[in-house]
Amino acid sequence: MSNEDISVPSADQSSPYARMHLAGWVPVNYDQVIYAPDSYDSVMWSLERPFLREIASSLEPPAGGLRLLDFACGTGRIVGALEDLAAQSSGVDISPDMLSAARSKAPRTQFVAGDILAQPDLAPGPYDLITAMRFFLNTEDEMRGRVMLALGRLLAGPDSRLVFNIHMNSAHFIPNSIYRRLHGWPSYRTMSYRQARRLVRDAGLEIVQVHGFGLVPERFYRGPLDRAARWLDRITAGRTAIRWICRDMVFVCKLPV
C-alpha cells in the first residue's frame, strides 16, 4: 500500500497538544532526543516491541488479513514494528512533518495527516488492531474521552484489540511527587490506573490485559547501577504482578461481547 497519501490537517485544531505537534522541531526531538539510541525510552521500547508484536500475531484477522491503525503514530515507531504482520496498515497523526519522518520506517503503510475527531473519514475502519501509544497521558483531559470513544467505534468486533499505554504511571512516581512537593516544585504530569480504567469504561470498552514495563526508576539508569537496572527491567518486563508500580502500563482493550 502506498504511503504517499498525506492530507492537510483540519483547520479546527482545538487541542493545544495537537497544535504543539505541528511544530517542525518535534520530529527531530522525538527521534534524536526522546528515542536516542541509548535513552531510557529506547530501552523501554525494546521491551515493549516484542510484546506488541505478540499481540498482533495472536489475533485472528478476517480472510483479507489483519487491518492495523496506529493512531497518533508520530514518526512511525509503532507501525514500523508491526506493518509486516498486517495486510493493511494505516498511520494517522496531526503533523505532516512527523509523517514525513515515519515513511522511511514503514514503507508499506498509508499515512494520513489530520484530526479524526474533525475528519472521521481519515480512518474509516474497521480495524482488527488499533494502537495509541504515548497519547492519552500527554493530551488534555477533555480530549481523552472523545478520542477513546472514537477509536473504540473503529474496532471491527469483540475479537479486535485496542492497545494504549500510560508512560508515566502515577503510582511509580509517588516518591518523586513527594520529593518535588517538599521542595515546592510542580509535580510531573502522570496518569493512574484508575483514570485509565474509567477512560476505557466510559468509552464502552473492556480491559482484558494490563502489563507493566520499567520497574526501576529512571535515575538508576545513570551511574554505577545502570547494568543492574537494565537487567531487572528486562526480566520483569510485561509481568502482571508488578504492573501497578511500573513506569509504563500497557492496556489491551476490546469491545464487550
Protein backbone atom coordinates (compact mmCIF):
# COMPACT_ATOMS: atom_id res chain seq x y z
CA MET A 1 0.00 0.00 0.00
CA SER A 2 1.32 3.46 -0.83
CA ASN A 3 2.41 5.74 1.95
CA GLU A 4 2.12 8.94 -0.03
CA ASP A 5 -1.49 9.77 0.87
CA ILE A 6 -0.85 12.72 3.17
CA SER A 7 -3.64 15.25 3.50
CA VAL A 8 -3.73 18.70 5.05
CA PRO A 9 -4.68 18.77 8.74
CA SER A 10 -8.05 20.12 9.74
CA ALA A 11 -8.23 23.83 10.45
CA ASP A 12 -10.26 23.02 13.57
CA GLN A 13 -7.40 22.25 15.95
CA SER A 14 -8.91 22.84 19.37
CA SER A 15 -6.23 20.89 21.24
CA PRO A 16 -3.09 22.80 22.30
CA TYR A 17 -1.30 19.45 22.47
CA ALA A 18 -2.18 18.80 18.84
CA ARG A 19 -1.10 22.29 17.80
CA MET A 20 2.24 21.88 19.54
CA HIS A 21 2.97 18.80 17.44
CA LEU A 22 2.68 20.82 14.24
CA ALA A 23 6.00 22.50 15.09
CA GLY A 24 8.86 21.48 12.82
CA TRP A 25 11.25 20.68 15.69
CA VAL A 26 9.04 17.95 17.18
CA PRO A 27 10.03 15.02 14.88
CA VAL A 28 13.74 15.68 15.43
CA ASN A 29 13.28 15.91 19.20
CA TYR A 30 11.24 12.70 19.19
CA ASP A 31 13.73 10.59 17.22
CA GLN A 32 17.05 12.11 18.30
CA VAL A 33 16.35 13.04 21.93
CA ILE A 34 13.47 11.05 23.43
CA TYR A 35 14.31 7.92 21.42
CA ALA A 36 18.05 8.43 21.07
CA PRO A 37 19.75 5.02 20.66
CA ASP A 38 20.66 4.50 24.33
CA SER A 39 17.99 6.63 26.02
CA TYR A 40 15.76 5.30 28.79
CA ASP A 41 12.73 5.47 26.49
CA SER A 42 14.56 3.42 23.86
CA VAL A 43 15.26 0.75 26.47
CA MET A 44 11.57 0.66 27.40
CA TRP A 45 10.65 0.41 23.73
CA SER A 46 12.99 -2.55 23.27
CA LEU A 47 11.00 -4.32 26.00
CA GLU A 48 7.57 -3.37 24.66
CA ARG A 49 8.20 -4.04 20.98
CA PRO A 50 8.10 -7.88 21.19
CA PHE A 51 5.03 -7.64 23.41
CA LEU A 52 3.14 -5.60 20.79
CA ARG A 53 4.20 -7.98 18.03
CA GLU A 54 2.94 -10.91 20.09
CA ILE A 55 -0.47 -9.25 20.45
CA ALA A 56 -0.68 -8.60 16.71
CA SER A 57 0.40 -12.16 15.89
CA SER A 58 -2.18 -13.66 18.27
CA LEU A 59 -5.20 -12.03 16.62
CA GLU A 60 -7.36 -13.95 14.17
CA PRO A 61 -7.93 -11.48 11.32
CA PRO A 62 -10.57 -11.79 8.60
CA ALA A 63 -9.81 -13.59 5.35
CA GLY A 64 -8.17 -10.49 3.88
CA GLY A 65 -5.65 -10.25 6.70
CA LEU A 66 -5.02 -8.02 9.70
CA ARG A 67 -6.13 -4.38 9.44
CA LEU A 68 -3.95 -2.12 11.60
CA LEU A 69 -4.34 1.51 12.63
CA ASP A 70 -1.64 3.35 14.55
CA PHE A 71 -3.30 6.47 15.96
CA ALA A 72 -1.07 9.47 16.76
CA CYS A 73 1.63 7.48 15.02
CA GLY A 74 4.28 10.19 15.19
CA THR A 75 7.47 9.26 13.40
CA GLY A 76 6.35 5.67 12.82
CA ARG A 77 7.98 3.78 15.68
CA ILE A 78 4.96 1.56 16.41
CA VAL A 79 3.59 0.98 12.94
CA GLY A 80 7.11 0.38 11.65
CA ALA A 81 7.42 -2.52 14.08
CA LEU A 82 4.05 -4.03 13.16
CA GLU A 83 3.34 -3.38 9.48
CA ASP A 84 4.86 -6.69 8.33
CA LEU A 85 2.20 -8.50 10.37
CA ALA A 86 -0.68 -6.63 8.73
CA ALA A 87 -2.32 -6.89 5.33
CA GLN A 88 -3.35 -3.24 5.60
CA SER A 89 -1.65 -0.72 7.88
CA SER A 90 -2.53 2.92 8.39
CA GLY A 91 -0.99 5.70 10.43
CA VAL A 92 -2.78 8.90 11.44
CA ASP A 93 -1.14 11.92 13.02
CA ILE A 94 -1.82 15.63 13.23
CA SER A 95 1.66 16.52 11.96
CA PRO A 96 2.73 16.16 8.31
CA ASP A 97 6.34 16.59 9.45
CA MET A 98 6.00 13.61 11.77
CA LEU A 99 4.58 11.53 8.93
CA SER A 100 7.39 12.53 6.61
CA ALA A 101 9.79 11.04 9.15
CA ALA A 102 7.60 7.94 9.51
CA ARG A 103 7.63 6.96 5.85
CA SER A 104 11.14 5.54 5.91
CA LYS A 105 10.27 3.32 8.88
CA ALA A 106 7.03 1.94 7.44
CA PRO A 107 7.16 1.92 3.61
CA ARG A 108 4.01 -0.23 3.27
CA THR A 109 1.84 1.95 5.50
CA GLN A 110 -0.68 4.53 4.31
CA PHE A 111 -0.18 7.75 6.29
CA VAL A 112 -2.78 10.47 6.63
CA ALA A 113 -2.39 13.79 8.45
CA GLY A 114 -5.36 15.24 10.26
CA ASP A 115 -7.71 15.16 13.23
CA ILE A 116 -10.01 12.12 13.34
CA LEU A 117 -12.45 13.96 15.58
CA ALA A 118 -12.95 16.70 12.98
CA GLN A 119 -12.36 14.41 9.98
CA PRO A 120 -13.73 10.92 10.77
CA ASP A 121 -13.20 9.77 7.19
CA LEU A 122 -9.43 9.91 7.69
CA ALA A 123 -9.62 6.50 9.35
CA PRO A 124 -12.89 4.88 8.27
CA GLY A 125 -12.10 1.41 9.66
CA PRO A 126 -12.96 -1.11 10.76
CA TYR A 127 -9.65 -2.29 12.23
CA ASP A 128 -8.56 -5.51 13.90
CA LEU A 129 -5.80 -3.80 15.89
CA ILE A 130 -5.54 -0.16 16.93
CA THR A 131 -2.52 1.20 18.77
CA ALA A 132 -2.39 4.57 20.54
CA MET A 133 0.92 4.85 22.38
CA ARG A 134 2.11 7.90 24.36
CA PHE A 135 -1.09 9.78 23.56
CA PHE A 136 -3.64 9.64 26.36
CA LEU A 137 -1.31 10.84 29.10
CA ASN A 138 0.00 13.73 27.02
CA THR A 139 -3.23 15.09 25.61
CA GLU A 140 -5.63 17.34 27.50
CA ASP A 141 -8.03 15.68 29.93
CA GLU A 142 -11.08 16.74 27.95
CA MET A 143 -9.70 15.16 24.79
CA ARG A 144 -9.07 11.72 26.28
CA GLY A 145 -12.66 10.52 26.38
CA ARG A 146 -13.53 11.88 22.95
CA VAL A 147 -10.59 10.12 21.30
CA MET A 148 -11.06 6.84 23.17
CA LEU A 149 -14.72 6.76 22.15
CA ALA A 150 -13.80 7.49 18.51
CA LEU A 151 -11.17 4.74 18.45
CA GLY A 152 -13.49 2.22 20.07
CA ARG A 153 -16.01 2.77 17.28
CA LEU A 154 -13.34 1.82 14.73
CA LEU A 155 -12.80 -1.68 16.11
CA ALA A 156 -14.07 -4.47 13.87
CA GLY A 157 -15.64 -6.51 16.67
CA PRO A 158 -15.12 -8.28 20.02
CA ASP A 159 -12.08 -10.16 18.70
CA SER A 160 -10.31 -6.91 17.77
CA ARG A 161 -7.99 -5.11 20.17
CA LEU A 162 -7.15 -1.54 21.13
CA VAL A 163 -3.74 -1.14 22.79
CA PHE A 164 -2.66 2.05 24.57
CA ASN A 165 -0.24 2.94 27.31
CA ILE A 166 0.47 5.27 30.20
CA HIS A 167 4.18 6.05 30.03
CA MET A 168 4.22 7.87 33.38
CA ASN A 169 2.15 5.81 35.80
CA SER A 170 1.15 7.82 38.88
CA ALA A 171 1.99 5.02 41.33
CA HIS A 172 5.56 4.77 40.03
CA PHE A 173 6.11 8.48 40.67
CA ILE A 174 4.75 8.68 44.23
CA PRO A 175 8.21 9.06 45.88
CA ASN A 176 9.22 11.60 43.24
CA SER A 177 5.98 13.54 43.70
CA ILE A 178 6.52 13.74 47.46
CA TYR A 179 10.08 14.94 46.96
CA ARG A 180 9.05 17.63 44.49
CA ARG A 181 6.18 18.77 46.69
CA LEU A 182 8.50 19.15 49.69
CA HIS A 183 10.75 21.36 47.58
CA GLY A 184 7.86 23.43 46.25
CA TRP A 185 8.31 22.13 42.70
CA PRO A 186 5.42 21.22 40.39
CA SER A 187 4.71 17.52 40.01
CA TYR A 188 5.19 15.71 36.73
CA ARG A 189 2.11 15.06 34.63
CA THR A 190 1.14 11.46 35.30
CA MET A 191 -1.90 9.22 34.87
CA SER A 192 -3.18 6.47 37.16
CA TYR A 193 -4.61 3.03 36.58
CA ARG A 194 -7.92 4.25 37.98
CA GLN A 195 -8.05 7.08 35.43
CA ALA A 196 -7.24 4.67 32.60
CA ARG A 197 -9.88 2.20 33.75
CA ARG A 198 -12.52 4.93 33.89
CA LEU A 199 -11.50 6.17 30.44
CA VAL A 200 -11.91 2.70 28.95
CA ARG A 201 -15.20 2.02 30.73
CA ASP A 202 -16.74 5.34 29.70
CA ALA A 203 -15.94 4.51 26.06
CA GLY A 204 -17.86 1.23 26.33
CA LEU A 205 -14.73 -0.94 26.22
CA GLU A 206 -13.26 -3.61 28.47
CA ILE A 207 -9.69 -4.06 29.67
CA VAL A 208 -8.54 -7.63 29.04
CA GLN A 209 -4.83 -7.31 29.89
CA VAL A 210 -2.56 -4.86 31.70
CA HIS A 211 1.22 -5.24 31.57
CA GLY A 212 3.98 -3.27 33.24
CA PHE A 213 7.36 -2.13 31.92
CA GLY A 214 10.02 -0.15 33.77
CA LEU A 215 10.05 -1.29 37.39
CA VAL A 216 13.33 0.52 38.16
CA PRO A 217 13.19 4.34 38.37
CA GLU A 218 14.95 6.09 35.50
CA ARG A 219 17.53 7.73 37.77
CA PHE A 220 19.16 4.33 38.38
CA TYR A 221 19.98 4.14 34.68
CA ARG A 222 22.56 6.86 35.27
CA GLY A 223 25.64 5.77 37.17
CA PRO A 224 27.06 2.52 38.60
CA LEU A 225 23.67 0.77 38.89
CA ASP A 226 22.86 1.11 35.19
CA ARG A 227 23.59 -2.51 34.23
CA ALA A 228 21.68 -3.90 37.21
CA ALA A 229 18.71 -1.64 36.43
CA ARG A 230 18.59 -2.80 32.82
CA TRP A 231 18.81 -6.45 33.86
CA LEU A 232 15.99 -6.14 36.41
CA ASP A 233 13.72 -4.31 33.97
CA ARG A 234 14.42 -6.92 31.32
CA ILE A 235 13.49 -9.91 33.48
CA THR A 236 10.36 -8.21 34.87
CA ALA A 237 9.11 -6.79 31.55
CA GLY A 238 5.42 -7.48 31.00
CA ARG A 239 4.91 -9.19 34.35
CA THR A 240 1.40 -8.59 35.59
CA ALA A 241 2.28 -8.94 39.29
CA ILE A 242 4.36 -5.76 39.34
CA ARG A 243 2.45 -3.79 36.72
CA TRP A 244 0.92 -1.41 39.28
CA ILE A 245 4.25 0.19 40.19
CA CYS A 246 5.92 0.15 36.76
CA ARG A 247 6.61 3.40 34.96
CA ASP A 248 4.82 2.24 31.81
CA MET A 249 1.47 0.40 31.88
CA VAL A 250 0.22 -1.10 28.63
CA PHE A 251 -3.52 -1.79 28.34
CA VAL A 252 -5.15 -4.23 25.92
CA CYS A 253 -8.86 -3.49 25.42
CA LYS A 254 -11.78 -4.89 23.47
CA LEU A 255 -15.44 -4.35 22.74
CA PRO A 256 -17.80 -6.23 25.06
CA VAL A 257 -19.42 -9.35 23.68
